[in-house]
Amino acid sequence: MNGQLLADTVHGKLLYETTLSTRYYLPREDVLTALTPSPTRTLCPYKGKASYWSFTLDGQTVEDLVWSYEDPLADAAGLKGYLAFYDDEVEVLLD
């Protein structure tokens, strides 16, 4: 975002869901920017309740750009401890 590196990982997970673009989940410890919890919550019938995160970049707060499943449902248990960025808002580079 604005050329700022927000995360860097070699331990990411790719999640393929019907009708959605591939989602890239990153270990929390590989996110390089400080995140602030948001009150926003959504519910996915397959993964559970999503929590959202915001951060401040160059003095501007970016709301709800990151989400996670803090207590995922059994079928999504592998996402616990991982975060995802809205990839239509940030540039994702895979190497």
N, C-alpha and C. Protein backbone atom coordinates (compact mmCIF):
# COMPACT_ATOMS: atom_id res chain seq x y z
N MET A 1 0.85 -1.17 0.00
CA MET A 1 0.00 0.00 0.00
C MET A 1 0.89 1.23 0.00
N ASN A 2 0.75 2.06 -1.00
CA ASN A 2 1.61 3.23 -1.17
C ASN A 2 3.08 2.83 -1.18
N GLY A 3 3.40 1.64 -1.68
CA GLY A 3 4.78 1.18 -1.73
C GLY A 3 5.32 0.65 -0.43
N GLN A 4 4.52 0.65 0.62
CA GLN A 4 4.94 0.17 1.94
C GLN A 4 4.79 -1.35 2.02
N LEU A 5 5.83 -2.05 2.47
CA LEU A 5 5.75 -3.49 2.67
C LEU A 5 4.99 -3.76 3.96
N LEU A 6 3.86 -4.43 3.86
CA LEU A 6 3.00 -4.68 5.02
C LEU A 6 3.23 -6.05 5.64
N ALA A 7 3.67 -7.00 4.82
CA ALA A 7 3.91 -8.36 5.31
C ALA A 7 4.89 -9.05 4.39
N ASP A 8 5.57 -10.03 4.94
CA ASP A 8 6.52 -10.82 4.16
C ASP A 8 6.57 -12.21 4.77
N THR A 9 6.30 -13.22 3.98
CA THR A 9 6.23 -14.57 4.54
C THR A 9 6.67 -15.62 3.54
N VAL A 10 7.11 -16.73 4.04
CA VAL A 10 7.31 -17.94 3.25
C VAL A 10 6.41 -19.05 3.80
N HIS A 11 5.52 -18.68 4.71
CA HIS A 11 4.64 -19.66 5.37
C HIS A 11 3.16 -19.35 5.15
N GLY A 12 2.84 -18.68 4.06
CA GLY A 12 1.45 -18.33 3.79
C GLY A 12 0.64 -19.54 3.36
N LYS A 13 -0.67 -19.38 3.42
CA LYS A 13 -1.60 -20.41 2.97
C LYS A 13 -2.51 -19.81 1.91
N LEU A 14 -2.78 -20.58 0.86
CA LEU A 14 -3.70 -20.15 -0.17
C LEU A 14 -5.04 -20.85 0.07
N LEU A 15 -6.12 -20.08 0.01
CA LEU A 15 -7.44 -20.64 0.22
C LEU A 15 -8.28 -20.40 -1.02
N TYR A 16 -8.76 -21.47 -1.60
CA TYR A 16 -9.59 -21.41 -2.80
C TYR A 16 -11.04 -21.64 -2.39
N GLU A 17 -11.89 -20.67 -2.74
CA GLU A 17 -13.31 -20.78 -2.42
C GLU A 17 -14.12 -20.54 -3.69
N THR A 18 -15.22 -21.22 -3.82
CA THR A 18 -16.09 -21.06 -4.98
C THR A 18 -16.54 -19.61 -5.10
N THR A 19 -16.46 -19.07 -6.29
CA THR A 19 -16.88 -17.73 -6.69
C THR A 19 -16.04 -16.60 -6.08
N LEU A 20 -15.02 -16.90 -5.31
CA LEU A 20 -14.15 -15.87 -4.73
C LEU A 20 -12.74 -16.01 -5.30
N SER A 21 -12.03 -14.90 -5.32
CA SER A 21 -10.63 -14.99 -5.74
C SER A 21 -9.83 -15.71 -4.65
N THR A 22 -8.68 -16.23 -5.01
CA THR A 22 -7.82 -16.90 -4.05
C THR A 22 -7.49 -15.95 -2.91
N ARG A 23 -7.60 -16.43 -1.70
CA ARG A 23 -7.26 -15.63 -0.51
C ARG A 23 -5.92 -16.09 0.01
N TYR A 24 -5.11 -15.13 0.39
CA TYR A 24 -3.76 -15.41 0.90
C TYR A 24 -3.75 -15.14 2.40
N TYR A 25 -3.55 -16.17 3.17
CA TYR A 25 -3.51 -16.04 4.63
C TYR A 25 -2.05 -16.11 5.08
N LEU A 26 -1.67 -15.18 5.93
CA LEU A 26 -0.29 -15.04 6.39
C LEU A 26 -0.21 -15.23 7.89
N PRO A 27 0.85 -15.85 8.38
CA PRO A 27 1.01 -15.95 9.83
C PRO A 27 1.06 -14.54 10.45
N ARG A 28 0.41 -14.38 11.57
CA ARG A 28 0.34 -13.09 12.24
C ARG A 28 1.74 -12.49 12.45
N GLU A 29 2.71 -13.34 12.79
CA GLU A 29 4.05 -12.83 13.07
C GLU A 29 4.78 -12.33 11.82
N ASP A 30 4.25 -12.60 10.63
CA ASP A 30 4.88 -12.14 9.40
C ASP A 30 4.28 -10.84 8.88
N VAL A 31 3.32 -10.28 9.60
CA VAL A 31 2.76 -8.98 9.26
C VAL A 31 3.66 -7.92 9.91
N LEU A 32 4.13 -6.98 9.11
CA LEU A 32 5.16 -6.04 9.54
C LEU A 32 4.62 -4.71 10.05
N THR A 33 3.32 -4.52 10.01
CA THR A 33 2.72 -3.28 10.47
C THR A 33 1.88 -3.56 11.71
N ALA A 34 1.82 -2.59 12.61
CA ALA A 34 1.01 -2.75 13.82
C ALA A 34 -0.47 -2.70 13.45
N LEU A 35 -1.22 -3.64 13.96
CA LEU A 35 -2.65 -3.73 13.68
C LEU A 35 -3.46 -3.34 14.90
N THR A 36 -4.59 -2.70 14.66
CA THR A 36 -5.50 -2.30 15.72
C THR A 36 -6.81 -3.06 15.52
N PRO A 37 -7.30 -3.74 16.57
CA PRO A 37 -8.58 -4.46 16.42
C PRO A 37 -9.71 -3.50 16.06
N SER A 38 -10.58 -3.97 15.21
CA SER A 38 -11.77 -3.22 14.79
C SER A 38 -13.00 -3.86 15.42
N PRO A 39 -14.05 -3.10 15.62
CA PRO A 39 -15.29 -3.71 16.13
C PRO A 39 -16.05 -4.50 15.05
N THR A 40 -15.63 -4.40 13.80
CA THR A 40 -16.33 -5.08 12.70
C THR A 40 -16.20 -6.60 12.84
N ARG A 41 -17.31 -7.29 12.64
CA ARG A 41 -17.34 -8.75 12.63
C ARG A 41 -18.27 -9.18 11.49
N THR A 42 -17.91 -10.28 10.86
CA THR A 42 -18.78 -10.91 9.87
C THR A 42 -18.82 -12.40 10.17
N LEU A 43 -19.75 -13.08 9.56
CA LEU A 43 -19.91 -14.51 9.80
C LEU A 43 -19.85 -15.27 8.49
N CYS A 44 -18.99 -16.24 8.43
CA CYS A 44 -18.90 -17.15 7.29
C CYS A 44 -19.44 -18.50 7.75
N PRO A 45 -20.38 -19.10 7.03
CA PRO A 45 -20.93 -20.38 7.47
C PRO A 45 -19.92 -21.53 7.44
N TYR A 46 -18.80 -21.34 6.74
CA TYR A 46 -17.79 -22.40 6.63
C TYR A 46 -16.59 -22.20 7.53
N LYS A 47 -16.27 -20.93 7.80
CA LYS A 47 -15.06 -20.64 8.57
C LYS A 47 -15.36 -20.11 9.97
N GLY A 48 -16.49 -19.47 10.16
CA GLY A 48 -16.84 -18.93 11.47
C GLY A 48 -16.87 -17.41 11.48
N LYS A 49 -16.68 -16.84 12.66
CA LYS A 49 -16.75 -15.39 12.85
C LYS A 49 -15.40 -14.76 12.51
N ALA A 50 -15.43 -13.78 11.61
CA ALA A 50 -14.21 -13.07 11.22
C ALA A 50 -14.07 -11.80 12.05
N SER A 51 -12.87 -11.57 12.53
CA SER A 51 -12.51 -10.33 13.22
C SER A 51 -11.72 -9.49 12.24
N TYR A 52 -11.85 -8.17 12.35
CA TYR A 52 -11.18 -7.27 11.41
C TYR A 52 -10.17 -6.40 12.13
N TRP A 53 -9.20 -5.92 11.34
CA TRP A 53 -8.07 -5.15 11.88
C TRP A 53 -7.83 -3.94 10.99
N SER A 54 -7.39 -2.87 11.62
CA SER A 54 -7.03 -1.64 10.91
C SER A 54 -5.59 -1.32 11.23
N PHE A 55 -5.01 -0.40 10.48
CA PHE A 55 -3.66 0.05 10.77
C PHE A 55 -3.50 1.47 10.27
N THR A 56 -2.46 2.14 10.73
CA THR A 56 -2.18 3.51 10.33
C THR A 56 -0.92 3.52 9.49
N LEU A 57 -1.01 4.17 8.34
CA LEU A 57 0.10 4.26 7.41
C LEU A 57 0.24 5.71 6.97
N ASP A 58 1.41 6.27 7.20
CA ASP A 58 1.67 7.67 6.85
C ASP A 58 0.61 8.61 7.43
N GLY A 59 0.22 8.34 8.67
CA GLY A 59 -0.74 9.19 9.37
C GLY A 59 -2.19 8.97 8.98
N GLN A 60 -2.46 8.04 8.08
CA GLN A 60 -3.83 7.77 7.63
C GLN A 60 -4.24 6.37 8.08
N THR A 61 -5.39 6.28 8.74
CA THR A 61 -5.89 4.99 9.21
C THR A 61 -6.61 4.27 8.07
N VAL A 62 -6.24 3.02 7.88
CA VAL A 62 -6.88 2.17 6.88
C VAL A 62 -7.74 1.18 7.66
N GLU A 63 -9.04 1.33 7.53
CA GLU A 63 -9.99 0.54 8.31
C GLU A 63 -10.27 -0.83 7.68
N ASP A 64 -10.30 -1.85 8.52
CA ASP A 64 -10.82 -3.18 8.15
C ASP A 64 -10.19 -3.77 6.88
N LEU A 65 -8.91 -3.56 6.67
CA LEU A 65 -8.25 -4.09 5.50
C LEU A 65 -7.77 -5.52 5.72
N VAL A 66 -7.73 -5.93 6.97
CA VAL A 66 -7.20 -7.24 7.35
C VAL A 66 -8.27 -7.98 8.16
N TRP A 67 -8.37 -9.29 7.96
CA TRP A 67 -9.29 -10.07 8.78
C TRP A 67 -8.64 -11.37 9.22
N SER A 68 -9.24 -11.97 10.22
CA SER A 68 -8.75 -13.25 10.73
C SER A 68 -9.92 -14.02 11.33
N TYR A 69 -9.70 -15.30 11.53
CA TYR A 69 -10.66 -16.15 12.22
C TYR A 69 -9.99 -16.58 13.52
N GLU A 70 -10.31 -15.87 14.59
CA GLU A 70 -9.66 -16.10 15.87
C GLU A 70 -10.04 -17.45 16.47
N ASP A 71 -11.26 -17.87 16.21
CA ASP A 71 -11.74 -19.16 16.71
C ASP A 71 -12.52 -19.83 15.57
N PRO A 72 -11.81 -20.30 14.54
CA PRO A 72 -12.49 -20.82 13.35
C PRO A 72 -13.25 -22.12 13.63
N LEU A 73 -14.20 -22.39 12.76
CA LEU A 73 -14.92 -23.66 12.81
C LEU A 73 -13.94 -24.79 12.47
N ALA A 74 -14.33 -26.00 12.77
CA ALA A 74 -13.44 -27.16 12.62
C ALA A 74 -12.86 -27.29 11.21
N ASP A 75 -13.67 -27.06 10.18
CA ASP A 75 -13.19 -27.20 8.81
C ASP A 75 -12.16 -26.15 8.43
N ALA A 76 -12.07 -25.07 9.19
CA ALA A 76 -11.12 -23.99 8.90
C ALA A 76 -10.08 -23.84 10.00
N ALA A 77 -9.92 -24.85 10.82
CA ALA A 77 -9.01 -24.76 11.97
C ALA A 77 -7.59 -24.36 11.56
N GLY A 78 -7.17 -24.70 10.37
CA GLY A 78 -5.83 -24.35 9.90
C GLY A 78 -5.60 -22.86 9.69
N LEU A 79 -6.68 -22.06 9.75
CA LEU A 79 -6.53 -20.61 9.58
C LEU A 79 -6.28 -19.88 10.90
N LYS A 80 -6.39 -20.59 12.00
CA LYS A 80 -6.17 -19.95 13.31
C LYS A 80 -4.74 -19.40 13.36
N GLY A 81 -4.62 -18.13 13.76
CA GLY A 81 -3.32 -17.49 13.83
C GLY A 81 -2.86 -16.86 12.53
N TYR A 82 -3.72 -16.91 11.51
CA TYR A 82 -3.39 -16.34 10.20
C TYR A 82 -4.27 -15.13 9.91
N LEU A 83 -3.73 -14.21 9.12
CA LEU A 83 -4.43 -12.99 8.73
C LEU A 83 -4.50 -12.91 7.21
N ALA A 84 -5.53 -12.27 6.70
CA ALA A 84 -5.66 -12.05 5.26
C ALA A 84 -5.90 -10.56 5.00
N PHE A 85 -5.30 -10.07 3.92
CA PHE A 85 -5.51 -8.70 3.47
C PHE A 85 -6.47 -8.72 2.28
N TYR A 86 -7.30 -7.69 2.16
CA TYR A 86 -8.12 -7.57 0.96
C TYR A 86 -7.18 -7.32 -0.21
N ASP A 87 -7.01 -8.32 -1.06
CA ASP A 87 -6.02 -8.21 -2.13
C ASP A 87 -6.46 -7.30 -3.27
N ASP A 88 -7.68 -6.81 -3.25
CA ASP A 88 -8.06 -5.81 -4.24
C ASP A 88 -7.66 -4.41 -3.76
N GLU A 89 -7.18 -4.32 -2.52
CA GLU A 89 -6.74 -3.04 -1.95
C GLU A 89 -5.22 -2.96 -1.79
N VAL A 90 -4.55 -4.10 -1.79
CA VAL A 90 -3.10 -4.11 -1.67
C VAL A 90 -2.54 -4.95 -2.82
N GLU A 91 -1.28 -4.72 -3.13
CA GLU A 91 -0.62 -5.50 -4.17
C GLU A 91 -0.01 -6.75 -3.52
N VAL A 92 -0.35 -7.90 -4.06
CA VAL A 92 0.18 -9.17 -3.55
C VAL A 92 1.20 -9.67 -4.57
N LEU A 93 2.41 -9.91 -4.09
CA LEU A 93 3.46 -10.44 -4.95
C LEU A 93 3.82 -11.84 -4.48
N LEU A 94 3.75 -12.81 -5.39
CA LEU A 94 4.11 -14.18 -5.08
C LEU A 94 5.41 -14.50 -5.80
N ASP A 95 6.31 -15.13 -5.07
CA ASP A 95 7.60 -15.48 -5.65
C ASP A 95 7.85 -16.96 -5.44
